Amino acid sequence: MASKTAKTAQDVLMADFQTLVADTEKLLEHTATLAGDQADELRAQIHDSLLRARETLKLTEASLRQRGEAAVTATEDYVRDNPWQSVGIAAGVGFVLGLLATRR
């Protein structure tokens, strides 16, 4: 379940960033009607920034996926190797959260 949640959060983050990049590209296309040297320079800067953002997104996505998968694997291995300790930890955390929830 933890792996599904982490994967979903990563997917949502990447989808949002990709939407931002796509919207910025559309804005760049719409500004093509502007005239002047400053507008051309601005469009070039935006285009370069978008290219860098896409590359950064690809690198970040790969890194996040690897780290997320490693964390999930390590957690699953720990739980598999120490089932009773895991149950005890989960019970303790649940107890503390229950206490905090009833105080409010």
PDB file of N, CA and C in Angstrom:
ATOM      1  N   MET A   1       0.816  -1.188   0.000  1.00  0.00           N
ATOM      2  CA  MET A   1       0.000   0.000   0.000  1.00  0.00           C
ATOM      3  C   MET A   1       0.866   1.261   0.000  1.00  0.00           C
ATOM      4  N   ALA A   2       1.955   1.214   0.750  1.00  0.00           N
ATOM      5  CA  ALA A   2       2.849   2.376   0.795  1.00  0.00           C
ATOM      6  C   ALA A   2       3.458   2.644  -0.566  1.00  0.00           C
ATOM      7  N   SER A   3       3.767   1.583  -1.286  1.00  0.00           N
ATOM      8  CA  SER A   3       4.370   1.779  -2.603  1.00  0.00           C
ATOM      9  C   SER A   3       3.371   2.400  -3.567  1.00  0.00           C
ATOM     10  N   LYS A   4       2.098   2.042  -3.442  1.00  0.00           N
ATOM     11  CA  LYS A   4       1.071   2.628  -4.306  1.00  0.00           C
ATOM     12  C   LYS A   4       0.898   4.108  -3.993  1.00  0.00           C
ATOM     13  N   THR A   5       0.916   4.458  -2.711  1.00  0.00           N
ATOM     14  CA  THR A   5       0.755   5.853  -2.307  1.00  0.00           C
ATOM     15  C   THR A   5       1.934   6.694  -2.777  1.00  0.00           C
ATOM     16  N   ALA A   6       3.149   6.189  -2.606  1.00  0.00           N
ATOM     17  CA  ALA A   6       4.331   6.924  -3.040  1.00  0.00           C
ATOM     18  C   ALA A   6       4.339   7.080  -4.549  1.00  0.00           C
ATOM     19  N   LYS A   7       3.978   6.023  -5.251  1.00  0.00           N
ATOM     20  CA  LYS A   7       3.951   6.074  -6.712  1.00  0.00           C
ATOM     21  C   LYS A   7       2.892   7.071  -7.178  1.00  0.00           C
ATOM     22  N   THR A   8       1.730   7.077  -6.535  1.00  0.00           N
ATOM     23  CA  THR A   8       0.668   8.007  -6.902  1.00  0.00           C
ATOM     24  C   THR A   8       1.103   9.448  -6.653  1.00  0.00           C
ATOM     25  N   ALA A   9       1.739   9.711  -5.522  1.00  0.00           N
ATOM     26  CA  ALA A   9       2.200  11.073  -5.218  1.00  0.00           C
ATOM     27  C   ALA A   9       3.240  11.527  -6.231  1.00  0.00           C
ATOM     28  N   GLN A  10       4.150  10.644  -6.596  1.00  0.00           N
ATOM     29  CA  GLN A  10       5.158  10.989  -7.594  1.00  0.00           C
ATOM     30  C   GLN A  10       4.504  11.255  -8.938  1.00  0.00           C
ATOM     31  N   ASP A  11       3.534  10.416  -9.307  1.00  0.00           N
ATOM     32  CA  ASP A  11       2.856  10.591 -10.587  1.00  0.00           C
ATOM     33  C   ASP A  11       2.103  11.913 -10.636  1.00  0.00           C
ATOM     34  N   VAL A  12       1.445  12.275  -9.545  1.00  0.00           N
ATOM     35  CA  VAL A  12       0.710  13.537  -9.489  1.00  0.00           C
ATOM     36  C   VAL A  12       1.666  14.715  -9.604  1.00  0.00           C
ATOM     37  N   LEU A  13       2.790  14.650  -8.891  1.00  0.00           N
ATOM     38  CA  LEU A  13       3.784  15.718  -8.953  1.00  0.00           C
ATOM     39  C   LEU A  13       4.329  15.880 -10.363  1.00  0.00           C
ATOM     40  N   MET A  14       4.675  14.775 -10.988  1.00  0.00           N
ATOM     41  CA  MET A  14       5.226  14.837 -12.342  1.00  0.00           C
ATOM     42  C   MET A  14       4.170  15.337 -13.337  1.00  0.00           C
ATOM     43  N   ALA A  15       2.936  14.898 -13.188  1.00  0.00           N
ATOM     44  CA  ALA A  15       1.871  15.346 -14.085  1.00  0.00           C
ATOM     45  C   ALA A  15       1.643  16.855 -13.941  1.00  0.00           C
ATOM     46  N   ASP A  16       1.653  17.349 -12.707  1.00  0.00           N
ATOM     47  CA  ASP A  16       1.474  18.790 -12.481  1.00  0.00           C
ATOM     48  C   ASP A  16       2.611  19.593 -13.100  1.00  0.00           C
ATOM     49  N   PHE A  17       3.833  19.116 -12.942  1.00  0.00           N
ATOM     50  CA  PHE A  17       4.974  19.833 -13.506  1.00  0.00           C
ATOM     51  C   PHE A  17       4.928  19.803 -15.029  1.00  0.00           C
ATOM     52  N   GLN A  18       4.531  18.672 -15.596  1.00  0.00           N
ATOM     53  CA  GLN A  18       4.425  18.573 -17.049  1.00  0.00           C
ATOM     54  C   GLN A  18       3.328  19.498 -17.575  1.00  0.00           C
ATOM     55  N   THR A  19       2.242  19.623 -16.842  1.00  0.00           N
ATOM     56  CA  THR A  19       1.177  20.543 -17.223  1.00  0.00           C
ATOM     57  C   THR A  19       1.679  21.979 -17.194  1.00  0.00           C
ATOM     58  N   LEU A  20       2.456  22.314 -16.172  1.00  0.00           N
ATOM     59  CA  LEU A  20       3.032  23.653 -16.080  1.00  0.00           C
ATOM     60  C   LEU A  20       3.925  23.947 -17.277  1.00  0.00           C
ATOM     61  N   VAL A  21       4.755  22.997 -17.640  1.00  0.00           N
ATOM     62  CA  VAL A  21       5.643  23.188 -18.786  1.00  0.00           C
ATOM     63  C   VAL A  21       4.827  23.336 -20.064  1.00  0.00           C
ATOM     64  N   ALA A  22       3.806  22.502 -20.236  1.00  0.00           N
ATOM     65  CA  ALA A  22       2.971  22.583 -21.443  1.00  0.00           C
ATOM     66  C   ALA A  22       2.243  23.924 -21.521  1.00  0.00           C
ATOM     67  N   ASP A  23       1.721  24.390 -20.385  1.00  0.00           N
ATOM     68  CA  ASP A  23       1.042  25.689 -20.373  1.00  0.00           C
ATOM     69  C   ASP A  23       1.999  26.825 -20.696  1.00  0.00           C
ATOM     70  N   THR A  24       3.214  26.729 -20.203  1.00  0.00           N
ATOM     71  CA  THR A  24       4.214  27.758 -20.507  1.00  0.00           C
ATOM     72  C   THR A  24       4.569  27.742 -21.985  1.00  0.00           C
ATOM     73  N   GLU A  25       4.637  26.548 -22.565  1.00  0.00           N
ATOM     74  CA  GLU A  25       4.895  26.455 -24.009  1.00  0.00           C
ATOM     75  C   GLU A  25       3.765  27.100 -24.808  1.00  0.00           C
ATOM     76  N   LYS A  26       2.527  26.883 -24.383  1.00  0.00           N
ATOM     77  CA  LYS A  26       1.392  27.521 -25.064  1.00  0.00           C
ATOM     78  C   LYS A  26       1.491  29.037 -24.957  1.00  0.00           C
ATOM     79  N   LEU A  27       1.854  29.524 -23.771  1.00  0.00           N
ATOM     80  CA  LEU A  27       2.022  30.966 -23.575  1.00  0.00           C
ATOM     81  C   LEU A  27       3.112  31.498 -24.487  1.00  0.00           C
ATOM     82  N   LEU A  28       4.179  30.744 -24.616  1.00  0.00           N
ATOM     83  CA  LEU A  28       5.270  31.136 -25.503  1.00  0.00           C
ATOM     84  C   LEU A  28       4.791  31.230 -26.948  1.00  0.00           C
ATOM     85  N   GLU A  29       3.968  30.281 -27.377  1.00  0.00           N
ATOM     86  CA  GLU A  29       3.431  30.309 -28.743  1.00  0.00           C
ATOM     87  C   GLU A  29       2.514  31.505 -28.955  1.00  0.00           C
ATOM     88  N   HIS A  30       1.713  31.836 -27.939  1.00  0.00           N
ATOM     89  CA  HIS A  30       0.784  32.960 -28.066  1.00  0.00           C
ATOM     90  C   HIS A  30       1.509  34.305 -28.088  1.00  0.00           C
ATOM     91  N   THR A  31       2.689  34.369 -27.484  1.00  0.00           N
ATOM     92  CA  THR A  31       3.426  35.629 -27.491  1.00  0.00           C
ATOM     93  C   THR A  31       4.194  35.820 -28.795  1.00  0.00           C
ATOM     94  N   ALA A  32       4.090  34.860 -29.696  1.00  0.00           N
ATOM     95  CA  ALA A  32       4.806  34.968 -30.975  1.00  0.00           C
ATOM     96  C   ALA A  32       4.301  36.143 -31.803  1.00  0.00           C
ATOM     97  N   THR A  33       3.096  36.598 -31.524  1.00  0.00           N
ATOM     98  CA  THR A  33       2.543  37.722 -32.275  1.00  0.00           C
ATOM     99  C   THR A  33       3.128  39.061 -31.827  1.00  0.00           C
ATOM    100  N   LEU A  34       3.777  39.074 -30.669  1.00  0.00           N
ATOM    101  CA  LEU A  34       4.398  40.315 -30.211  1.00  0.00           C
ATOM    102  C   LEU A  34       5.583  40.651 -31.096  1.00  0.00           C
ATOM    103  N   ALA A  35       5.813  41.912 -31.266  1.00  0.00           N
ATOM    104  CA  ALA A  35       6.912  42.351 -32.133  1.00  0.00           C
ATOM    105  C   ALA A  35       7.999  43.000 -31.302  1.00  0.00           C
ATOM    106  N   GLY A  36       9.149  43.104 -31.905  1.00  0.00           N
ATOM    107  CA  GLY A  36      10.241  43.811 -31.251  1.00  0.00           C
ATOM    108  C   GLY A  36      11.345  42.878 -30.815  1.00  0.00           C
ATOM    109  N   ASP A  37      12.521  43.480 -30.651  1.00  0.00           N
ATOM    110  CA  ASP A  37      13.690  42.719 -30.245  1.00  0.00           C
ATOM    111  C   ASP A  37      13.559  42.189 -28.821  1.00  0.00           C
ATOM    112  N   GLN A  38      12.955  42.969 -27.938  1.00  0.00           N
ATOM    113  CA  GLN A  38      12.808  42.535 -26.561  1.00  0.00           C
ATOM    114  C   GLN A  38      11.887  41.322 -26.467  1.00  0.00           C
ATOM    115  N   ALA A  39      10.819  41.312 -27.252  1.00  0.00           N
ATOM    116  CA  ALA A  39       9.898  40.177 -27.246  1.00  0.00           C
ATOM    117  C   ALA A  39      10.601  38.927 -27.762  1.00  0.00           C
ATOM    118  N   ASP A  40      11.409  39.072 -28.810  1.00  0.00           N
ATOM    119  CA  ASP A  40      12.161  37.933 -29.342  1.00  0.00           C
ATOM    120  C   ASP A  40      13.157  37.406 -28.311  1.00  0.00           C
ATOM    121  N   GLU A  41      13.819  38.318 -27.630  1.00  0.00           N
ATOM    122  CA  GLU A  41      14.786  37.918 -26.609  1.00  0.00           C
ATOM    123  C   GLU A  41      14.091  37.210 -25.452  1.00  0.00           C
ATOM    124  N   LEU A  42      12.937  37.740 -25.056  1.00  0.00           N
ATOM    125  CA  LEU A  42      12.166  37.136 -23.973  1.00  0.00           C
ATOM    126  C   LEU A  42      11.697  35.729 -24.357  1.00  0.00           C
ATOM    127  N   ARG A  43      11.202  35.580 -25.580  1.00  0.00           N
ATOM    128  CA  ARG A  43      10.767  34.254 -26.040  1.00  0.00           C
ATOM    129  C   ARG A  43      11.931  33.274 -26.055  1.00  0.00           C
ATOM    130  N   ALA A  44      13.094  33.723 -26.465  1.00  0.00           N
ATOM    131  CA  ALA A  44      14.275  32.850 -26.488  1.00  0.00           C
ATOM    132  C   ALA A  44      14.666  32.425 -25.077  1.00  0.00           C
ATOM    133  N   GLN A  45      14.604  33.347 -24.139  1.00  0.00           N
ATOM    134  CA  GLN A  45      14.933  33.017 -22.755  1.00  0.00           C
ATOM    135  C   GLN A  45      13.927  32.023 -22.180  1.00  0.00           C
ATOM    136  N   ILE A  46      12.651  32.234 -22.462  1.00  0.00           N
ATOM    137  CA  ILE A  46      11.613  31.327 -21.977  1.00  0.00           C
ATOM    138  C   ILE A  46      11.807  29.940 -22.592  1.00  0.00           C
ATOM    139  N   HIS A  47      12.117  29.915 -23.870  1.00  0.00           N
ATOM    140  CA  HIS A  47      12.333  28.635 -24.550  1.00  0.00           C
ATOM    141  C   HIS A  47      13.513  27.883 -23.928  1.00  0.00           C
ATOM    142  N   ASP A  48      14.605  28.585 -23.671  1.00  0.00           N
ATOM    143  CA  ASP A  48      15.770  27.954 -23.040  1.00  0.00           C
ATOM    144  C   ASP A  48      15.432  27.446 -21.639  1.00  0.00           C
ATOM    145  N   SER A  49      14.683  28.238 -20.899  1.00  0.00           N
ATOM    146  CA  SER A  49      14.286  27.827 -19.551  1.00  0.00           C
ATOM    147  C   SER A  49      13.416  26.583 -19.598  1.00  0.00           C
ATOM    148  N   LEU A  50      12.531  26.526 -20.560  1.00  0.00           N
ATOM    149  CA  LEU A  50      11.676  25.345 -20.694  1.00  0.00           C
ATOM    150  C   LEU A  50      12.482  24.097 -21.030  1.00  0.00           C
ATOM    151  N   LEU A  51      13.453  24.238 -21.887  1.00  0.00           N
ATOM    152  CA  LEU A  51      14.291  23.081 -22.226  1.00  0.00           C
ATOM    153  C   LEU A  51      15.046  22.583 -21.000  1.00  0.00           C
ATOM    154  N   ARG A  52      15.589  23.520 -20.218  1.00  0.00           N
ATOM    155  CA  ARG A  52      16.286  23.131 -18.994  1.00  0.00           C
ATOM    156  C   ARG A  52      15.328  22.493 -17.994  1.00  0.00           C
ATOM    157  N   ALA A  53      14.106  23.040 -17.896  1.00  0.00           N
ATOM    158  CA  ALA A  53      13.116  22.493 -16.966  1.00  0.00           C
ATOM    159  C   ALA A  53      12.727  21.067 -17.358  1.00  0.00           C
ATOM    160  N   ARG A  54      12.583  20.821 -18.642  1.00  0.00           N
ATOM    161  CA  ARG A  54      12.242  19.467 -19.096  1.00  0.00           C
ATOM    162  C   ARG A  54      13.353  18.480 -18.763  1.00  0.00           C
ATOM    163  N   GLU A  55      14.592  18.883 -18.968  1.00  0.00           N
ATOM    164  CA  GLU A  55      15.712  17.995 -18.650  1.00  0.00           C
ATOM    165  C   GLU A  55      15.783  17.743 -17.147  1.00  0.00           C
ATOM    166  N   THR A  56      15.595  18.805 -16.375  1.00  0.00           N
ATOM    167  CA  THR A  56      15.597  18.656 -14.926  1.00  0.00           C
ATOM    168  C   THR A  56      14.463  17.747 -14.483  1.00  0.00           C
ATOM    169  N   LEU A  57      13.302  17.890 -15.103  1.00  0.00           N
ATOM    170  CA  LEU A  57      12.156  17.044 -14.773  1.00  0.00           C
ATOM    171  C   LEU A  57      12.474  15.580 -15.034  1.00  0.00           C
ATOM    172  N   LYS A  58      13.095  15.290 -16.149  1.00  0.00           N
ATOM    173  CA  LYS A  58      13.430  13.902 -16.474  1.00  0.00           C
ATOM    174  C   LYS A  58      14.413  13.331 -15.461  1.00  0.00           C
ATOM    175  N   LEU A  59      15.447  14.113 -15.123  1.00  0.00           N
ATOM    176  CA  LEU A  59      16.435  13.644 -14.154  1.00  0.00           C
ATOM    177  C   LEU A  59      15.823  13.469 -12.758  1.00  0.00           C
ATOM    178  N   THR A  60      15.002  14.431 -12.368  1.00  0.00           N
ATOM    179  CA  THR A  60      14.368  14.372 -11.056  1.00  0.00           C
ATOM    180  C   THR A  60      13.403  13.201 -10.969  1.00  0.00           C
ATOM    181  N   GLU A  61      12.646  12.991 -12.021  1.00  0.00           N
ATOM    182  CA  GLU A  61      11.692  11.885 -12.027  1.00  0.00           C
ATOM    183  C   GLU A  61      12.411  10.554 -11.854  1.00  0.00           C
ATOM    184  N   ALA A  62      13.486  10.361 -12.587  1.00  0.00           N
ATOM    185  CA  ALA A  62      14.242   9.110 -12.481  1.00  0.00           C
ATOM    186  C   ALA A  62      14.811   8.939 -11.073  1.00  0.00           C
ATOM    187  N   SER A  63      15.357  10.016 -10.531  1.00  0.00           N
ATOM    188  CA  SER A  63      15.934   9.959  -9.190  1.00  0.00           C
ATOM    189  C   SER A  63      14.870   9.665  -8.136  1.00  0.00           C
ATOM    190  N   LEU A  64      13.730  10.347  -8.230  1.00  0.00           N
ATOM    191  CA  LEU A  64      12.653  10.125  -7.267  1.00  0.00           C
ATOM    192  C   LEU A  64      12.123   8.705  -7.342  1.00  0.00           C
ATOM    193  N   ARG A  65      11.975   8.192  -8.528  1.00  0.00           N
ATOM    194  CA  ARG A  65      11.490   6.821  -8.683  1.00  0.00           C
ATOM    195  C   ARG A  65      12.466   5.823  -8.069  1.00  0.00           C
ATOM    196  N   GLN A  66      13.754   6.017  -8.323  1.00  0.00           N
ATOM    197  CA  GLN A  66      14.746   5.099  -7.762  1.00  0.00           C
ATOM    198  C   GLN A  66      14.760   5.163  -6.237  1.00  0.00           C
ATOM    199  N   ARG A  67      14.750   6.371  -5.684  1.00  0.00           N
ATOM    200  CA  ARG A  67      14.769   6.514  -4.230  1.00  0.00           C
ATOM    201  C   ARG A  67      13.485   5.986  -3.605  1.00  0.00           C
ATOM    202  N   GLY A  68      12.360   6.250  -4.250  1.00  0.00           N
ATOM    203  CA  GLY A  68      11.085   5.761  -3.734  1.00  0.00           C
ATOM    204  C   GLY A  68      11.018   4.246  -3.745  1.00  0.00           C
ATOM    205  N   GLU A  69      11.464   3.651  -4.841  1.00  0.00           N
ATOM    206  CA  GLU A  69      11.456   2.197  -4.927  1.00  0.00           C
ATOM    207  C   GLU A  69      12.408   1.586  -3.905  1.00  0.00           C
ATOM    208  N   ALA A  70      13.562   2.222  -3.696  1.00  0.00           N
ATOM    209  CA  ALA A  70      14.521   1.725  -2.704  1.00  0.00           C
ATOM    210  C   ALA A  70      13.937   1.808  -1.296  1.00  0.00           C
ATOM    211  N   ALA A  71      13.257   2.897  -0.992  1.00  0.00           N
ATOM    212  CA  ALA A  71      12.655   3.062   0.333  1.00  0.00           C
ATOM    213  C   ALA A  71      11.555   2.037   0.558  1.00  0.00           C
ATOM    214  N   VAL A  72      10.736   1.817  -0.445  1.00  0.00           N
ATOM    215  CA  VAL A  72       9.653   0.836  -0.326  1.00  0.00           C
ATOM    216  C   VAL A  72      10.227  -0.561  -0.146  1.00  0.00           C
ATOM    217  N   THR A  73      11.238  -0.884  -0.921  1.00  0.00           N
ATOM    218  CA  THR A  73      11.871  -2.206  -0.813  1.00  0.00           C
ATOM    219  C   THR A  73      12.487  -2.404   0.565  1.00  0.00           C
ATOM    220  N   ALA A  74      13.186  -1.387   1.066  1.00  0.00           N
ATOM    221  CA  ALA A  74      13.804  -1.484   2.392  1.00  0.00           C
ATOM    222  C   ALA A  74      12.747  -1.658   3.476  1.00  0.00           C
ATOM    223  N   THR A  75      11.648  -0.928   3.368  1.00  0.00           N
ATOM    224  CA  THR A  75      10.575  -1.035   4.357  1.00  0.00           C
ATOM    225  C   THR A  75       9.931  -2.415   4.305  1.00  0.00           C
ATOM    226  N   GLU A  76       9.653  -2.884   3.103  1.00  0.00           N
ATOM    227  CA  GLU A  76       9.049  -4.213   2.965  1.00  0.00           C
ATOM    228  C   GLU A  76       9.984  -5.294   3.496  1.00  0.00           C
ATOM    229  N   ASP A  77      11.288  -5.167   3.243  1.00  0.00           N
ATOM    230  CA  ASP A  77      12.254  -6.136   3.758  1.00  0.00           C
ATOM    231  C   ASP A  77      12.292  -6.110   5.283  1.00  0.00           C
ATOM    232  N   TYR A  78      12.267  -4.926   5.866  1.00  0.00           N
ATOM    233  CA  TYR A  78      12.289  -4.812   7.322  1.00  0.00           C
ATOM    234  C   TYR A  78      11.061  -5.450   7.935  1.00  0.00           C
ATOM    235  N   VAL A  79       9.899  -5.148   7.357  1.00  0.00           N
ATOM    236  CA  VAL A  79       8.654  -5.704   7.885  1.00  0.00           C
ATOM    237  C   VAL A  79       8.657  -7.221   7.737  1.00  0.00           C
ATOM    238  N   ARG A  80       9.163  -7.705   6.629  1.00  0.00           N
ATOM    239  CA  ARG A  80       9.214  -9.143   6.398  1.00  0.00           C
ATOM    240  C   ARG A  80      10.175  -9.826   7.383  1.00  0.00           C
ATOM    241  N   ASP A  81      11.309  -9.177   7.680  1.00  0.00           N
ATOM    242  CA  ASP A  81      12.295  -9.749   8.588  1.00  0.00           C
ATOM    243  C   ASP A  81      11.918  -9.584  10.056  1.00  0.00           C
ATOM    244  N   ASN A  82      11.185  -8.545  10.388  1.00  0.00           N
ATOM    245  CA  ASN A  82      10.826  -8.233  11.780  1.00  0.00           C
ATOM    246  C   ASN A  82       9.324  -7.978  11.897  1.00  0.00           C
ATOM    247  N   PRO A  83       8.498  -8.993  11.701  1.00  0.00           N
ATOM    248  CA  PRO A  83       7.050  -8.743  11.684  1.00  0.00           C
ATOM    249  C   PRO A  83       6.494  -8.273  13.028  1.00  0.00           C
ATOM    250  N   TRP A  84       6.968  -8.843  14.135  1.00  0.00           N
ATOM    251  CA  TRP A  84       6.405  -8.460  15.424  1.00  0.00           C
ATOM    252  C   TRP A  84       6.857  -7.065  15.845  1.00  0.00           C
ATOM    253  N   GLN A  85       8.068  -6.719  15.543  1.00  0.00           N
ATOM    254  CA  GLN A  85       8.518  -5.351  15.834  1.00  0.00           C
ATOM    255  C   GLN A  85       7.719  -4.343  15.021  1.00  0.00           C
ATOM    256  N   SER A  86       7.431  -4.696  13.783  1.00  0.00           N
ATOM    257  CA  SER A  86       6.647  -3.806  12.917  1.00  0.00           C
ATOM    258  C   SER A  86       5.242  -3.623  13.459  1.00  0.00           C
ATOM    259  N   VAL A  87       4.655  -4.719  13.929  1.00  0.00           N
ATOM    260  CA  VAL A  87       3.311  -4.630  14.514  1.00  0.00           C
ATOM    261  C   VAL A  87       3.355  -3.764  15.770  1.00  0.00           C
ATOM    262  N   GLY A  88       4.377  -3.947  16.592  1.00  0.00           N
ATOM    263  CA  GLY A  88       4.509  -3.137  17.808  1.00  0.00           C
ATOM    264  C   GLY A  88       4.682  -1.659  17.501  1.00  0.00           C
ATOM    265  N   ILE A  89       5.502  -1.359  16.515  1.00  0.00           N
ATOM    266  CA  ILE A  89       5.707   0.045  16.124  1.00  0.00           C
ATOM    267  C   ILE A  89       4.409   0.643  15.607  1.00  0.00           C
ATOM    268  N   ALA A  90       3.710  -0.101  14.759  1.00  0.00           N
ATOM    269  CA  ALA A  90       2.441   0.398  14.209  1.00  0.00           C
ATOM    270  C   ALA A  90       1.416   0.608  15.310  1.00  0.00           C
ATOM    271  N   ALA A  91       1.358  -0.314  16.282  1.00  0.00           N
ATOM    272  CA  ALA A  91       0.422  -0.166  17.397  1.00  0.00           C
ATOM    273  C   ALA A  91       0.771   1.060  18.234  1.00  0.00           C
ATOM    274  N   GLY A  92       2.076   1.265  18.485  1.00  0.00           N
ATOM    275  CA  GLY A  92       2.500   2.430  19.265  1.00  0.00           C
ATOM    276  C   GLY A  92       2.159   3.737  18.572  1.00  0.00           C
ATOM    277  N   VAL A  93       2.414   3.796  17.286  1.00  0.00           N
ATOM    278  CA  VAL A  93       2.093   5.013  16.524  1.00  0.00           C
ATOM    279  C   VAL A  93       0.583   5.239  16.515  1.00  0.00           C
ATOM    280  N   GLY A  94      -0.176   4.161  16.338  1.00  0.00           N
ATOM    281  CA  GLY A  94      -1.640   4.277  16.367  1.00  0.00           C
ATOM    282  C   GLY A  94      -2.145   4.756  17.716  1.00  0.00           C
ATOM    283  N   PHE A  95      -1.543   4.252  18.782  1.00  0.00           N
ATOM    284  CA  PHE A  95      -1.928   4.676  20.129  1.00  0.00           C
ATOM    285  C   PHE A  95      -1.662   6.160  20.336  1.00  0.00           C
ATOM    286  N   VAL A  96      -0.481   6.603  19.950  1.00  0.00           N
ATOM    287  CA  VAL A  96      -0.126   8.021  20.105  1.00  0.00           C
ATOM    288  C   VAL A  96      -1.050   8.904  19.269  1.00  0.00           C
ATOM    289  N   LEU A  97      -1.317   8.491  18.035  1.00  0.00           N
ATOM    290  CA  LEU A  97      -2.244   9.271  17.197  1.00  0.00           C
ATOM    291  C   LEU A  97      -3.641   9.290  17.798  1.00  0.00           C
ATOM    292  N   GLY A  98      -4.072   8.182  18.376  1.00  0.00           N
ATOM    293  CA  GLY A  98      -5.368   8.141  19.044  1.00  0.00           C
ATOM    294  C   GLY A  98      -5.435   9.102  20.217  1.00  0.00           C
ATOM    295  N   LEU A  99      -4.365   9.140  21.008  1.00  0.00           N
ATOM    296  CA  LEU A  99      -4.306  10.083  22.134  1.00  0.00           C
ATOM    297  C   LEU A  99      -4.369  11.514  21.649  1.00  0.00           C
ATOM    298  N   LEU A 100      -3.595  11.818  20.609  1.00  0.00           N
ATOM    299  CA  LEU A 100      -3.604  13.188  20.076  1.00  0.00           C
ATOM    300  C   LEU A 100      -4.959  13.557  19.500  1.00  0.00           C
ATOM    301  N   ALA A 101      -5.620  12.609  18.860  1.00  0.00           N
ATOM    302  CA  ALA A 101      -6.921  12.894  18.259  1.00  0.00           C
ATOM    303  C   ALA A 101      -8.004  13.138  19.311  1.00  0.00           C
ATOM    304  N   THR A 102      -7.920  12.437  20.439  1.00  0.00           N
ATOM    305  CA  THR A 102      -8.939  12.618  21.467  1.00  0.00           C
ATOM    306  C   THR A 102      -8.714  13.875  22.294  1.00  0.00           C
ATOM    307  N   ARG A 103      -7.517  14.425  22.277  1.00  0.00           N
ATOM    308  CA  ARG A 103      -7.225  15.646  23.033  1.00  0.00           C
ATOM    309  C   ARG A 103      -7.865  16.865  22.389  1.00  0.00           C
ATOM    310  N   ARG A 104      -8.111  16.801  21.123  1.00  0.00           N
ATOM    311  CA  ARG A 104      -8.663  17.970  20.418  1.00  0.00           C
ATOM    312  C   ARG A 104     -10.124  17.914  20.562  1.00  0.00           C
TER     313      ARG A 104
END
